Amino acid sequence: SMEEDSSGGVANGKNADMMRHRTASGSSAAAAAQDEVLSADEAANNDTHSKRSSSPHSMDMTTAPTTTRNMSLLFSPRGKSVASMSFALAIHLGGYECSRAAVMALFTSDGLGFGKSKKDKSQESELSALPMAVGCVSPFAVALVWFYGKTLSHGGPSYALRTHTLIVAASQIVVGWILRMFEQCLDAVDDDEDYDNGVCSLRSVDNVKTMSQVLLFTLFVFQSAYVQLLYAQHWAFISSVLTAEEGSRLFAPIAGLGSIGSTLAAGSVSILVERSGLIGLMYMAGISYIVSAILANMAFSTAKSNGFEPSSISKSEKNEEPQPQSISSSSSDGKGAYAPINSGTKDSPSSPSTNATIPCLKKNNIFQQAYSLFNRVPVLGALFVEVIISQCLSSLVNYIYLYKLKVAITDDSLRAGWSGKFYAWINGVSGIFQFFIIPLLLKHCEAHRIWLFMPSLMMICTLYQFGTYKTSELFGASASFFCIKTMEYSLRGAANEMLYVSLDYESRYLGKKVITLIAGKFGKSVMAVALAVSVVYYGDNDNLMWYLLTTATIFTCLWMFSSVRLHSLIDASSKR
C-alpha cells in the first residue's frame, strides 16, 4: 500500500520497506545508526548460533524424521520461545491491518481527513497529502533507526522491541482518543448544537479539521515507518534462535502464521467497524500491539533463562574479516534456489569469526561501500536498479487504486470494510503462494525465472487498466494493485532470499541493507513526490488518470527491461 509500506501489511513482503535514501544533512548520523542497528542484529544472530550448538537443550536430530524433529523442538525451551515470538509477530501484523484500515479511511475521509469538506462539496479534495505523506515516511524512518539504535545499545534487543512496540500501541490509543473528541465536535456542529459548551471549545470548525489532518498525517507516517522495523525485529529473534536446518523447515509455517493473522484481522475489519467504528478499530490495534509486546517479552525471557538469548558480539570476533566469495552454481538438479556459497555446517551457515565484519565497512560512508560492492558483484547493482523501478511502480499503482476506491466508495466505514476484505484476499492468496505454489514452482523451474514472470504479469494488468479506465470504476485498479502486492508479499520475497543466500557474506550483509533500506524507500519517495506535484498541478482534472496510467505503463516497461538484465546476470553467474 501507499503506507508501506506500508504496505504493508503482511508477513511475506514487508522487509523491503524499512528505510530510505538519506538526506545530505543527516547522512553520516543516519548511516551510523543503520550500521549500529544492523550490525547488532547480525552480531546477535552469529553469537546465538554459536550458543545453540553447545546449549544443553539442543540435540542432534538431523537423522530423525521431520515430524519427530519438529515435535522435539516444539516442546523444548527454544521451541517455546520461537512459538511465543511467532504469535507475537502474527498478532502484530493483525493489529497493523486494523490500524491501516482505520487510518487510511480516516485520512481520506471528508470529515476528519483530507477529503472534501462536508459543508462545501464543491471544494476539491486534498488527496495530494497522501503521496506527500508516503514521501515523508523515508526521512522519518532514518530518524527512527537512530532512535532504535540508541534503545538497542541501552537495553538490548528485548528492551528495544518492547519499548518501541508499546510506543506504537500508545500512539494508536492516544491519537484515537483525541480524534474521537474532534469527531464529536464536528458531529455537534453538523447537528447545529452549541459545541462551545460541549465536547469542543474551539471557535472554528476549520481549526478542528486542520488539527485532525495534522494528527492523521503524523500517525500515517509514524505507523508506516514503524511496522517494518518491528516486523524485522521479530524475525531477527526467530532467525537467531533457530538453526539453518530448522529454519528451512519452519520459516514458511511461521510466515504463514503471520499471513493467517493478517488475513483474519483484515477480513474482520468490516464487522469490527460496524460494531465499534473507525476509532474503535484504532483502540483494538493498540491492544493488539500490547499483547504482541507481552508475547515477545515472554520469548526473550525464555531465551534468557535457558542461555540462548541474542547478545552482543565479542571484540575479538570484530577484528576478523570474511573471505570474499562469489555466486556459485545452481543446485545439482538445476532447479529451485541457487546453491549457497557459505562454508558453514548444516546447522550453522557461517561461523561468527568469519562473519563478524566486512572489509568494505571500513570505507567512509554507505554510498562508497555500496559503489565498491556493486562493482565487485554486478548482480547486486542490477537488483538495486530493479528494486527502485518496481517500487516506483508499486507506489503509483497503489495511489491509482486508492484514488479509484475513494471515488467509488464515498462512505468511510464502508470503504474501510471493503479495503479490509481486499487485503484479506491479498494476504490469503500470498499465503497459498508461499505454502503451495512457490515450493511446487521451484521443483520445476529455476528460481531466477521469477524475475521475468513478475513484470510480465504486471504488463498485462497495466495494459488492461489503461484500455478500460474510462469504463471500469474500480476493477482495473484493484486487479493491478492485487497483483503487485501479492507478488511483493510472496514471489519477490522468495526470489530475493534465494539470491542473497547464494552470495558471499559481504554481499548479504551490506548488499541487502543497501537494497532493502535505500533502494526500496528511495523508489517510493521519488514517486510520492512526483505524485504530490502531479495531483496539485492537475487537481481533479479528467486527464489526471490518463497521465497516471501512461506513467504506469512506462514504468512497467522499465521494470521488464531491468528484470531481463538481472535475470541474464544471475543466469551467467550461475553457469560460471
Protein backbone atom coordinates (compact mmCIF):
# COMPACT_ATOMS: atom_id res chain seq x y z
CA SER A 1 0.00 0.00 0.00
CA MET A 2 0.97 3.64 -0.12
CA GLU A 3 1.86 3.38 3.54
CA GLU A 4 4.39 0.89 3.03
CA ASP A 5 4.64 0.32 3.21
CA SER A 6 3.48 0.28 4.16
CA SER A 7 2.48 -1.87 2.76
CA GLY A 8 2.35 -3.10 4.30
CA GLY A 9 0.81 -5.14 5.52
CA VAL A 10 1.65 -8.81 5.64
CA ALA A 11 4.21 -11.34 6.63
CA ASN A 12 5.81 -12.14 3.33
CA GLY A 13 6.98 -8.88 1.86
CA LYS A 14 7.39 -6.18 4.34
CA ASN A 15 11.19 -6.47 4.87
CA ALA A 16 11.71 -4.42 1.71
CA ASP A 17 10.23 -1.23 3.13
CA MET A 18 12.13 -0.19 6.29
CA MET A 19 14.33 2.84 5.44
CA ARG A 20 15.21 5.13 2.51
CA HIS A 21 17.86 7.22 0.87
CA ARG A 22 19.35 9.55 3.45
CA THR A 23 19.33 13.33 3.06
CA ALA A 24 22.67 15.11 2.79
CA SER A 25 22.29 16.90 6.10
CA GLY A 26 21.91 13.74 8.15
CA SER A 27 23.65 11.09 6.11
CA SER A 28 26.56 10.42 8.44
CA ALA A 29 24.45 10.15 11.58
CA ALA A 30 21.82 8.07 9.85
CA ALA A 31 24.46 5.79 8.33
CA ALA A 32 25.98 5.24 11.74
CA ALA A 33 22.58 4.48 13.20
CA GLN A 34 21.73 1.99 10.47
CA ASP A 35 25.14 0.32 10.76
CA GLU A 36 24.70 0.11 14.53
CA VAL A 37 21.25 -1.48 14.36
CA LEU A 38 22.02 -3.94 11.59
CA SER A 39 25.44 -4.83 12.98
CA ALA A 40 23.79 -5.59 16.30
CA ASP A 41 21.23 -7.82 14.59
CA GLU A 42 23.92 -9.72 12.69
CA ALA A 43 26.06 -9.93 15.82
CA ALA A 44 23.18 -11.35 17.84
CA ASN A 45 22.48 -13.85 15.09
CA ASN A 46 26.10 -15.04 14.94
CA ASP A 47 26.55 -15.25 18.70
CA THR A 48 23.30 -17.10 19.29
CA HIS A 49 24.04 -19.63 16.53
CA SER A 50 27.29 -20.47 18.30
CA LYS A 51 25.48 -20.81 21.63
CA ARG A 52 22.88 -23.16 20.23
CA SER A 53 25.41 -25.83 19.35
CA SER A 54 26.55 -26.07 22.98
CA SER A 55 23.18 -25.47 24.62
CA PRO A 56 22.01 -28.31 26.87
CA HIS A 57 18.61 -28.01 25.22
CA SER A 58 19.94 -28.64 21.73
CA MET A 59 20.34 -32.14 20.36
CA ASP A 60 21.42 -33.77 17.14
CA MET A 61 18.22 -34.70 15.35
CA THR A 62 19.48 -34.43 11.79
CA THR A 63 18.84 -38.07 11.11
CA ALA A 64 15.40 -38.22 12.77
CA PRO A 65 12.16 -37.93 10.79
CA THR A 66 10.93 -34.40 10.17
CA THR A 67 7.82 -34.83 12.34
CA THR A 68 9.93 -36.13 15.25
CA ARG A 69 12.34 -33.22 14.97
CA ASN A 70 9.51 -30.69 14.84
CA MET A 71 7.81 -32.15 17.93
CA SER A 72 11.10 -32.33 19.81
CA LEU A 73 11.80 -28.68 19.07
CA LEU A 74 8.24 -27.58 19.85
CA PHE A 75 8.40 -28.80 23.46
CA SER A 76 11.93 -27.54 24.06
CA PRO A 77 12.68 -24.09 25.54
CA ARG A 78 13.85 -22.88 22.13
CA GLY A 79 10.64 -24.08 20.53
CA LYS A 80 8.53 -22.34 23.16
CA SER A 81 10.40 -19.06 22.70
CA VAL A 82 10.04 -19.25 18.91
CA ALA A 83 6.34 -20.05 19.28
CA SER A 84 5.84 -17.04 21.55
CA MET A 85 7.64 -14.74 19.12
CA SER A 86 5.75 -16.21 16.16
CA PHE A 87 2.40 -15.46 17.79
CA ALA A 88 3.69 -12.00 18.72
CA LEU A 89 4.52 -11.48 15.04
CA ALA A 90 1.09 -12.68 13.89
CA ILE A 91 -0.77 -10.51 16.40
CA HIS A 92 1.39 -7.53 15.50
CA LEU A 93 0.54 -7.93 11.82
CA GLY A 94 -3.14 -8.39 12.66
CA GLY A 95 -3.09 -5.19 14.68
CA TYR A 96 -1.42 -3.37 11.81
CA GLU A 97 -4.18 -4.47 9.44
CA CYS A 98 -6.77 -2.93 11.77
CA SER A 99 -4.72 0.23 12.17
CA ARG A 100 -4.04 0.57 8.46
CA ALA A 101 -7.69 0.20 7.52
CA ALA A 102 -8.81 2.74 10.13
CA VAL A 103 -6.11 5.34 9.48
CA MET A 104 -6.42 5.13 5.70
CA ALA A 105 -10.21 5.53 5.84
CA LEU A 106 -9.91 8.49 8.21
CA PHE A 107 -7.06 10.00 6.18
CA THR A 108 -9.19 10.11 3.02
CA SER A 109 -12.46 10.94 4.82
CA ASP A 110 -14.47 14.12 4.24
CA GLY A 111 -14.81 14.78 7.96
CA LEU A 112 -11.55 14.48 9.86
CA GLY A 113 -9.30 13.76 6.88
CA PHE A 114 -8.19 15.22 3.58
CA GLY A 115 -11.37 14.61 1.58
CA LYS A 116 -13.86 17.24 0.52
CA SER A 117 -15.43 19.48 3.13
CA LYS A 118 -18.80 18.31 4.42
CA LYS A 119 -20.09 21.87 4.24
CA ASP A 120 -18.69 22.69 0.80
CA LYS A 121 -18.92 19.71 -1.54
CA SER A 122 -17.65 21.83 -4.44
CA GLN A 123 -14.28 22.11 -2.72
CA GLU A 124 -11.56 19.93 -4.23
CA SER A 125 -10.20 17.14 -2.10
CA GLU A 126 -6.69 17.37 -0.69
CA LEU A 127 -5.62 13.85 -1.57
CA SER A 128 -2.26 15.22 -2.71
CA ALA A 129 -1.44 14.86 1.00
CA LEU A 130 -1.40 11.07 0.57
CA PRO A 131 1.67 10.79 -1.67
CA MET A 132 3.28 13.57 0.34
CA ALA A 133 2.80 11.50 3.50
CA VAL A 134 4.36 8.50 1.78
CA GLY A 135 7.33 10.67 0.83
CA CYS A 136 7.78 11.66 4.48
CA VAL A 137 7.94 8.04 5.65
CA SER A 138 11.53 7.59 4.47
CA PRO A 139 13.11 10.60 6.24
CA PHE A 140 11.22 9.70 9.39
CA ALA A 141 12.43 6.10 9.12
CA VAL A 142 16.05 7.34 9.13
CA ALA A 143 15.45 9.19 12.40
CA LEU A 144 13.60 6.16 13.73
CA VAL A 145 16.57 3.89 13.06
CA TRP A 146 18.80 6.27 15.00
CA PHE A 147 16.38 6.21 17.93
CA TYR A 148 16.07 2.43 17.76
CA GLY A 149 19.87 2.14 17.76
CA LYS A 150 20.01 4.15 20.98
CA THR A 151 17.45 1.96 22.74
CA LEU A 152 19.18 -1.17 21.44
CA SER A 153 22.50 -0.02 22.87
CA HIS A 154 20.87 1.00 26.15
CA GLY A 155 18.90 -2.14 26.97
CA GLY A 156 19.47 -4.79 24.32
CA PRO A 157 17.05 -6.32 21.77
CA SER A 158 14.40 -7.29 24.33
CA TYR A 159 14.18 -3.79 25.79
CA ALA A 160 14.22 -2.19 22.32
CA LEU A 161 11.43 -4.35 20.90
CA ARG A 162 9.25 -3.98 23.99
CA THR A 163 9.75 -0.21 24.18
CA HIS A 164 9.02 0.50 20.54
CA THR A 165 6.02 -1.83 20.40
CA LEU A 166 4.48 -0.06 23.40
CA ILE A 167 5.19 3.32 21.78
CA VAL A 168 3.21 2.26 18.72
CA ALA A 169 0.39 0.93 20.92
CA ALA A 170 0.21 4.19 22.87
CA SER A 171 0.13 6.23 19.67
CA GLN A 172 -2.92 4.33 18.42
CA ILE A 173 -4.84 4.70 21.67
CA VAL A 174 -3.95 8.34 22.41
CA VAL A 175 -4.47 9.61 18.86
CA GLY A 176 -7.70 7.63 18.66
CA TRP A 177 -8.95 9.30 21.85
CA ILE A 178 -8.12 12.77 20.50
CA LEU A 179 -9.75 12.04 17.15
CA ARG A 180 -12.84 10.83 18.99
CA MET A 181 -13.15 14.25 20.63
CA PHE A 182 -12.70 16.01 17.30
CA GLU A 183 -15.30 13.74 15.70
CA GLN A 184 -17.83 14.52 18.42
CA CYS A 185 -17.13 18.21 18.00
CA LEU A 186 -17.77 18.08 14.23
CA ASP A 187 -20.93 15.99 14.75
CA ALA A 188 -22.24 18.60 17.17
CA VAL A 189 -21.65 21.33 14.59
CA ASP A 190 -23.44 19.31 11.89
CA ASP A 191 -26.44 18.98 14.22
CA ASP A 192 -26.39 22.75 14.88
CA GLU A 193 -25.67 22.20 18.57
CA ASP A 194 -23.76 24.57 20.80
CA TYR A 195 -20.41 22.88 20.57
CA ASP A 196 -18.78 25.66 22.62
CA ASN A 197 -20.38 24.14 25.71
CA GLY A 198 -19.98 20.55 24.55
CA VAL A 199 -17.01 18.40 23.72
CA CYS A 200 -15.04 21.03 21.86
CA SER A 201 -14.31 24.62 22.85
CA LEU A 202 -12.59 25.57 19.60
CA ARG A 203 -14.15 28.58 17.87
CA SER A 204 -13.70 27.36 14.33
CA VAL A 205 -14.58 24.05 12.69
CA ASP A 206 -11.70 24.66 10.30
CA ASN A 207 -9.31 24.60 13.27
CA VAL A 208 -10.65 21.20 14.32
CA LYS A 209 -10.28 19.81 10.82
CA THR A 210 -6.76 21.20 10.48
CA MET A 211 -5.68 19.67 13.78
CA SER A 212 -7.20 16.30 12.88
CA GLN A 213 -5.44 16.38 9.49
CA VAL A 214 -2.10 17.04 11.19
CA LEU A 215 -2.70 14.17 13.61
CA LEU A 216 -3.70 11.76 10.83
CA PHE A 217 -0.77 12.79 8.63
CA THR A 218 1.65 12.26 11.52
CA LEU A 219 0.10 8.93 12.54
CA PHE A 220 0.18 7.69 8.94
CA VAL A 221 3.91 8.43 8.65
CA PHE A 222 4.59 7.11 12.15
CA GLN A 223 2.92 3.71 11.78
CA SER A 224 4.15 3.20 8.21
CA ALA A 225 7.76 3.64 9.32
CA TYR A 226 7.38 1.57 12.48
CA VAL A 227 5.69 -1.52 11.02
CA GLN A 228 8.75 -2.66 9.09
CA LEU A 229 11.13 -2.02 11.96
CA LEU A 230 9.11 -4.08 14.45
CA TYR A 231 8.46 -6.81 11.89
CA ALA A 232 12.19 -7.13 11.22
CA GLN A 233 12.99 -7.40 14.95
CA HIS A 234 10.53 -10.29 15.40
CA TRP A 235 12.24 -12.14 12.58
CA ALA A 236 15.71 -11.25 13.89
CA PHE A 237 14.95 -13.11 17.12
CA ILE A 238 13.44 -16.13 15.33
CA SER A 239 16.36 -16.46 12.90
CA SER A 240 18.83 -16.13 15.79
CA VAL A 241 17.26 -18.92 17.84
CA LEU A 242 16.67 -21.43 15.03
CA THR A 243 19.46 -23.19 13.18
CA ALA A 244 19.64 -23.06 9.39
CA GLU A 245 18.27 -26.61 9.11
CA GLU A 246 15.38 -25.80 11.47
CA GLY A 247 14.72 -22.57 9.64
CA SER A 248 14.42 -24.39 6.31
CA ARG A 249 11.54 -26.37 7.83
CA LEU A 250 9.89 -23.72 10.00
CA PHE A 251 10.33 -20.33 8.35
CA ALA A 252 7.49 -20.94 5.89
CA PRO A 253 4.97 -22.06 8.57
CA ILE A 254 5.95 -19.11 10.78
CA ALA A 255 5.49 -16.69 7.91
CA GLY A 256 2.24 -18.47 7.12
CA LEU A 257 1.09 -17.87 10.70
CA GLY A 258 1.72 -14.18 10.15
CA SER A 259 -0.31 -14.32 6.95
CA ILE A 260 -3.14 -16.01 8.82
CA GLY A 261 -3.10 -13.28 11.45
CA SER A 262 -3.17 -10.58 8.79
CA THR A 263 -5.90 -12.33 6.81
CA LEU A 264 -8.18 -12.87 9.80
CA ALA A 265 -7.77 -9.29 11.01
CA ALA A 266 -8.27 -7.77 7.58
CA GLY A 267 -11.29 -9.96 6.90
CA SER A 268 -12.86 -8.89 10.21
CA VAL A 269 -12.48 -5.16 9.61
CA SER A 270 -15.98 -4.65 8.18
CA ILE A 271 -17.59 -6.44 11.14
CA LEU A 272 -15.47 -4.57 13.69
CA VAL A 273 -16.18 -1.19 12.07
CA GLU A 274 -19.92 -1.81 12.25
CA ARG A 275 -19.71 -2.50 15.98
CA SER A 276 -17.06 -0.06 17.17
CA GLY A 277 -16.39 2.43 14.35
CA LEU A 278 -13.08 3.51 12.89
CA ILE A 279 -11.80 4.98 16.16
CA GLY A 280 -12.67 1.75 17.96
CA LEU A 281 -10.63 -0.09 15.35
CA MET A 282 -7.62 2.01 16.35
CA TYR A 283 -8.16 1.07 20.01
CA MET A 284 -8.21 -2.61 19.02
CA ALA A 285 -4.96 -2.16 17.11
CA GLY A 286 -3.36 -0.60 20.19
CA ILE A 287 -4.50 -3.52 22.37
CA SER A 288 -3.13 -5.99 19.80
CA TYR A 289 0.28 -4.30 19.94
CA ILE A 290 0.29 -4.57 23.74
CA VAL A 291 -0.49 -8.31 23.55
CA SER A 292 2.29 -8.66 20.95
CA ALA A 293 4.75 -6.92 23.29
CA ILE A 294 3.82 -9.29 26.14
CA LEU A 295 4.34 -12.39 23.99
CA ALA A 296 7.64 -11.06 22.62
CA ASN A 297 8.84 -10.36 26.16
CA MET A 298 7.92 -13.93 27.12
CA ALA A 299 10.03 -15.20 24.22
CA PHE A 300 13.06 -13.20 25.35
CA SER A 301 12.55 -14.26 28.97
CA THR A 302 12.52 -17.94 27.98
CA ALA A 303 15.66 -17.42 25.90
CA LYS A 304 17.44 -15.60 28.72
CA SER A 305 16.58 -18.15 31.38
CA ASN A 306 17.83 -21.00 29.18
CA GLY A 307 21.02 -19.35 27.95
CA PHE A 308 20.31 -18.67 24.28
CA GLU A 309 19.22 -15.02 24.33
CA PRO A 310 20.70 -12.94 21.43
CA SER A 311 23.60 -10.90 22.75
CA SER A 312 26.43 -8.70 21.55
CA ILE A 313 29.41 -9.99 19.59
CA SER A 314 32.77 -10.15 21.24
CA LYS A 315 35.54 -7.72 20.44
CA SER A 316 37.87 -10.50 19.27
CA GLU A 317 35.34 -11.52 16.68
CA LYS A 318 35.05 -7.96 15.39
CA ASN A 319 38.70 -7.89 14.32
CA GLU A 320 38.35 -10.81 11.91
CA GLU A 321 37.26 -10.48 8.31
CA PRO A 322 35.31 -12.75 5.99
CA GLN A 323 36.72 -14.39 2.93
CA PRO A 324 35.39 -12.84 -0.29
CA GLN A 325 33.35 -15.23 -2.40
CA SER A 326 31.08 -15.06 -5.43
CA ILE A 327 27.91 -16.58 -6.75
CA SER A 328 28.19 -20.31 -7.14
CA SER A 329 26.42 -22.62 -9.49
CA SER A 330 22.80 -23.56 -9.16
CA SER A 331 21.60 -26.63 -7.32
CA SER A 332 22.52 -30.06 -8.56
CA ASP A 333 19.25 -30.64 -10.35
CA GLY A 334 19.26 -27.21 -11.94
CA LYS A 335 16.01 -26.24 -10.22
CA GLY A 336 14.95 -24.19 -7.26
CA ALA A 337 17.27 -21.92 -5.29
CA TYR A 338 20.83 -21.05 -6.16
CA ALA A 339 23.39 -23.10 -4.29
CA PRO A 340 24.67 -21.32 -1.16
CA ILE A 341 28.35 -20.49 -1.09
CA ASN A 342 28.83 -20.26 2.67
CA SER A 343 31.19 -22.79 4.13
CA GLY A 344 29.37 -23.43 7.37
CA THR A 345 27.88 -26.62 8.66
CA LYS A 346 24.37 -27.72 8.01
CA ASP A 347 23.10 -26.18 11.22
CA SER A 348 25.23 -23.07 11.11
CA PRO A 349 25.60 -21.45 7.74
CA SER A 350 28.64 -19.46 8.69
CA SER A 351 30.75 -19.09 11.77
CA PRO A 352 30.82 -15.90 13.83
CA SER A 353 34.52 -15.44 13.34
CA THR A 354 34.23 -15.17 9.58
CA ASN A 355 31.06 -13.14 9.53
CA ALA A 356 31.72 -10.57 12.20
CA THR A 357 32.81 -7.74 9.94
CA ILE A 358 33.16 -6.99 6.28
CA PRO A 359 36.07 -5.21 4.60
CA CYS A 360 34.12 -2.53 2.78
CA LEU A 361 32.64 -1.23 6.05
CA LYS A 362 36.00 0.44 6.63
CA LYS A 363 35.19 2.95 3.88
CA ASN A 364 33.85 6.40 4.69
CA ASN A 365 30.11 6.04 4.13
CA ILE A 366 27.45 3.67 2.94
CA PHE A 367 27.43 5.06 -0.60
CA GLN A 368 31.13 4.38 -1.13
CA GLN A 369 30.64 0.94 0.38
CA ALA A 370 27.75 0.22 -1.98
CA TYR A 371 29.64 1.50 -5.04
CA SER A 372 32.59 -0.77 -4.25
CA LEU A 373 30.34 -3.77 -3.67
CA PHE A 374 28.24 -3.23 -6.82
CA ASN A 375 31.41 -3.06 -8.91
CA ARG A 376 32.53 -6.39 -7.47
CA VAL A 377 29.09 -8.06 -7.68
CA PRO A 378 27.18 -6.68 -10.71
CA VAL A 379 24.12 -8.76 -9.82
CA LEU A 380 23.54 -6.56 -6.78
CA GLY A 381 23.79 -3.41 -8.87
CA ALA A 382 21.19 -4.79 -11.26
CA LEU A 383 18.95 -5.75 -8.33
CA PHE A 384 19.33 -2.24 -6.88
CA VAL A 385 18.00 -0.70 -10.12
CA GLU A 386 15.22 -3.30 -10.41
CA VAL A 387 14.01 -2.59 -6.87
CA ILE A 388 13.93 1.18 -7.41
CA ILE A 389 11.85 0.86 -10.59
CA SER A 390 9.47 -1.74 -9.16
CA GLN A 391 8.88 0.32 -6.01
CA CYS A 392 8.16 3.41 -8.11
CA LEU A 393 5.55 1.40 -9.98
CA SER A 394 4.16 -0.05 -6.74
CA SER A 395 3.61 3.42 -5.28
CA LEU A 396 1.96 4.62 -8.46
CA VAL A 397 -0.37 1.60 -8.73
CA ASN A 398 -1.22 2.00 -5.06
CA TYR A 399 -2.20 5.64 -5.48
CA ILE A 400 -4.36 4.86 -8.54
CA TYR A 401 -6.13 2.16 -6.52
CA LEU A 402 -6.76 4.50 -3.56
CA TYR A 403 -7.95 7.27 -5.87
CA LYS A 404 -10.44 4.94 -7.58
CA LEU A 405 -11.54 3.49 -4.24
CA LYS A 406 -12.26 6.94 -2.82
CA VAL A 407 -14.36 7.82 -5.89
CA ALA A 408 -16.24 4.50 -5.96
CA ILE A 409 -16.98 4.22 -2.20
CA THR A 410 -17.55 7.56 -0.50
CA ASP A 411 -18.68 6.26 2.92
CA ASP A 412 -15.68 5.98 5.25
CA SER A 413 -16.83 2.89 7.15
CA LEU A 414 -17.85 1.03 4.01
CA ARG A 415 -14.54 1.94 2.38
CA ALA A 416 -12.59 0.64 5.39
CA GLY A 417 -14.59 -2.62 5.35
CA TRP A 418 -14.10 -3.12 1.62
CA SER A 419 -10.38 -2.39 1.91
CA GLY A 420 -10.05 -4.82 4.81
CA LYS A 421 -11.67 -7.64 2.84
CA PHE A 422 -9.50 -6.78 -0.16
CA TYR A 423 -6.30 -7.04 1.92
CA ALA A 424 -7.59 -10.28 3.41
CA TRP A 425 -7.71 -11.73 -0.11
CA ILE A 426 -4.21 -10.42 -0.82
CA ASN A 427 -2.85 -11.97 2.38
CA GLY A 428 -4.69 -15.23 1.81
CA VAL A 429 -3.50 -15.65 -1.77
CA SER A 430 0.04 -14.73 -0.69
CA GLY A 431 -0.10 -17.47 1.93
CA ILE A 432 -1.25 -20.00 -0.67
CA PHE A 433 1.66 -18.98 -2.89
CA GLN A 434 4.13 -19.39 -0.05
CA PHE A 435 2.86 -22.72 1.24
CA PHE A 436 2.00 -24.48 -2.01
CA ILE A 437 2.67 -22.69 -5.31
CA ILE A 438 6.24 -21.46 -4.76
CA PRO A 439 7.61 -24.83 -3.48
CA LEU A 440 5.94 -26.58 -6.41
CA LEU A 441 7.20 -23.95 -8.84
CA LEU A 442 10.78 -24.30 -7.64
CA LYS A 443 10.72 -28.04 -8.27
CA HIS A 444 10.16 -27.49 -11.97
CA CYS A 445 11.99 -24.26 -12.84
CA GLU A 446 14.94 -22.20 -11.73
CA ALA A 447 14.29 -19.54 -9.10
CA HIS A 448 15.51 -16.59 -11.14
CA ARG A 449 12.73 -17.15 -13.70
CA ILE A 450 10.52 -15.37 -11.15
CA TRP A 451 12.15 -12.08 -12.15
CA LEU A 452 10.74 -12.47 -15.67
CA PHE A 453 7.30 -13.58 -14.54
CA MET A 454 6.55 -10.61 -12.24
CA PRO A 455 6.84 -7.73 -14.75
CA SER A 456 5.19 -9.85 -17.46
CA LEU A 457 2.07 -10.31 -15.33
CA MET A 458 2.11 -6.66 -14.34
CA MET A 459 2.33 -5.63 -18.00
CA ILE A 460 -0.92 -7.50 -18.72
CA CYS A 461 -2.69 -5.82 -15.79
CA THR A 462 -1.42 -2.35 -16.64
CA LEU A 463 -2.39 -2.58 -20.30
CA TYR A 464 -5.87 -3.84 -19.35
CA GLN A 465 -6.31 -0.99 -16.88
CA PHE A 466 -5.12 1.56 -19.43
CA GLY A 467 -7.55 0.28 -22.02
CA THR A 468 -10.58 0.23 -19.69
CA TYR A 469 -10.01 3.12 -17.29
CA LYS A 470 -12.91 5.15 -18.72
CA THR A 471 -15.44 2.35 -18.28
CA SER A 472 -14.04 0.42 -15.29
CA GLU A 473 -14.58 2.21 -12.00
CA LEU A 474 -12.60 0.03 -9.61
CA PHE A 475 -11.95 -3.40 -11.12
CA GLY A 476 -8.94 -2.49 -13.25
CA ALA A 477 -7.18 -0.56 -10.48
CA SER A 478 -7.96 -3.29 -7.95
CA ALA A 479 -6.64 -6.03 -10.23
CA SER A 480 -3.33 -4.25 -10.79
CA PHE A 481 -2.91 -3.47 -7.11
CA PHE A 482 -3.85 -7.03 -6.13
CA CYS A 483 -1.24 -8.50 -8.47
CA ILE A 484 1.65 -6.26 -7.50
CA LYS A 485 1.06 -6.59 -3.74
CA THR A 486 0.59 -10.37 -3.92
CA MET A 487 3.86 -10.67 -5.84
CA GLU A 488 5.66 -8.43 -3.34
CA TYR A 489 4.39 -10.45 -0.40
CA SER A 490 5.25 -13.85 -1.90
CA LEU A 491 7.27 -14.14 -5.12
CA ARG A 492 9.60 -11.21 -4.55
CA GLY A 493 10.44 -12.32 -1.03
CA ALA A 494 11.28 -15.82 -2.19
CA ALA A 495 13.35 -14.62 -5.16
CA ASN A 496 15.27 -12.08 -3.06
CA GLU A 497 16.20 -14.51 -0.28
CA MET A 498 17.25 -17.21 -2.74
CA LEU A 499 19.51 -14.71 -4.45
CA TYR A 500 21.05 -13.37 -1.23
CA VAL A 501 21.75 -16.83 0.19
CA SER A 502 23.85 -17.64 -2.89
CA LEU A 503 26.15 -14.66 -2.31
CA ASP A 504 29.12 -14.14 -0.02
CA TYR A 505 28.69 -12.61 3.43
CA GLU A 506 29.64 -9.09 2.40
CA SER A 507 27.01 -9.14 -0.33
CA ARG A 508 24.35 -10.49 2.01
CA TYR A 509 25.15 -8.05 4.80
CA LEU A 510 25.88 -4.78 3.05
CA GLY A 511 24.09 -5.50 -0.22
CA LYS A 512 20.84 -6.48 1.44
CA LYS A 513 20.99 -3.44 3.70
CA VAL A 514 21.54 -1.01 0.84
CA ILE A 515 18.90 -2.56 -1.42
CA THR A 516 16.15 -3.02 1.16
CA LEU A 517 16.75 0.10 3.22
CA ILE A 518 17.72 2.56 0.50
CA ALA A 519 16.61 1.37 -2.93
CA GLY A 520 13.08 0.43 -1.88
CA LYS A 521 12.42 3.61 0.08
CA PHE A 522 14.14 5.79 -2.50
CA GLY A 523 11.87 4.45 -5.25
CA LYS A 524 8.73 5.01 -3.19
CA SER A 525 9.80 8.50 -2.13
CA VAL A 526 10.65 9.66 -5.65
CA MET A 527 7.27 8.51 -6.94
CA ALA A 528 5.49 10.00 -3.92
CA VAL A 529 6.96 13.44 -4.59
CA ALA A 530 6.11 13.19 -8.30
CA LEU A 531 2.53 12.17 -7.45
CA ALA A 532 2.12 15.02 -4.99
CA VAL A 533 3.24 17.54 -7.61
CA SER A 534 1.02 15.99 -10.29
CA VAL A 535 -2.08 15.96 -8.10
CA VAL A 536 -1.54 19.59 -7.08
CA TYR A 537 -0.99 20.62 -10.72
CA TYR A 538 -3.88 18.67 -12.30
CA GLY A 539 -6.28 18.58 -9.34
CA ASP A 540 -9.41 16.56 -10.17
CA ASN A 541 -8.86 17.03 -13.90
CA ASP A 542 -10.20 14.16 -16.00
CA ASN A 543 -6.83 13.90 -17.75
CA LEU A 544 -5.06 13.08 -14.50
CA MET A 545 -5.89 9.37 -14.70
CA TRP A 546 -4.67 9.18 -18.31
CA TYR A 547 -1.30 10.66 -17.29
CA LEU A 548 -1.03 8.34 -14.30
CA LEU A 549 -1.76 5.21 -16.34
CA THR A 550 0.63 6.29 -19.09
CA THR A 551 3.34 6.69 -16.47
CA ALA A 552 2.46 3.27 -15.03
CA THR A 553 2.83 1.69 -18.49
CA ILE A 554 6.24 3.31 -18.97
CA PHE A 555 7.48 2.11 -15.57
CA THR A 556 6.18 -1.39 -16.26
CA CYS A 557 8.29 -1.47 -19.43
CA LEU A 558 11.32 -0.19 -17.49
CA TRP A 559 10.72 -2.89 -14.89
CA MET A 560 10.67 -5.51 -17.62
CA PHE A 561 13.99 -4.29 -19.06
CA SER A 562 15.68 -4.17 -15.64
CA SER A 563 14.36 -7.65 -14.78
CA VAL A 564 15.67 -9.11 -18.05
CA ARG A 565 19.11 -7.67 -17.31
CA LEU A 566 19.04 -9.02 -13.73
CA HIS A 567 17.93 -12.44 -14.98
CA SER A 568 20.76 -12.50 -17.52
CA LEU A 569 23.39 -11.65 -14.91
CA ILE A 570 22.10 -14.29 -12.49
CA ASP A 571 21.98 -16.87 -15.27
CA ALA A 572 25.53 -16.05 -16.38
CA SER A 573 26.87 -16.12 -12.81
CA SER A 574 25.27 -19.49 -12.03
CA LYS A 575 26.86 -21.06 -15.10
CA ARG A 576 30.39 -19.98 -14.23
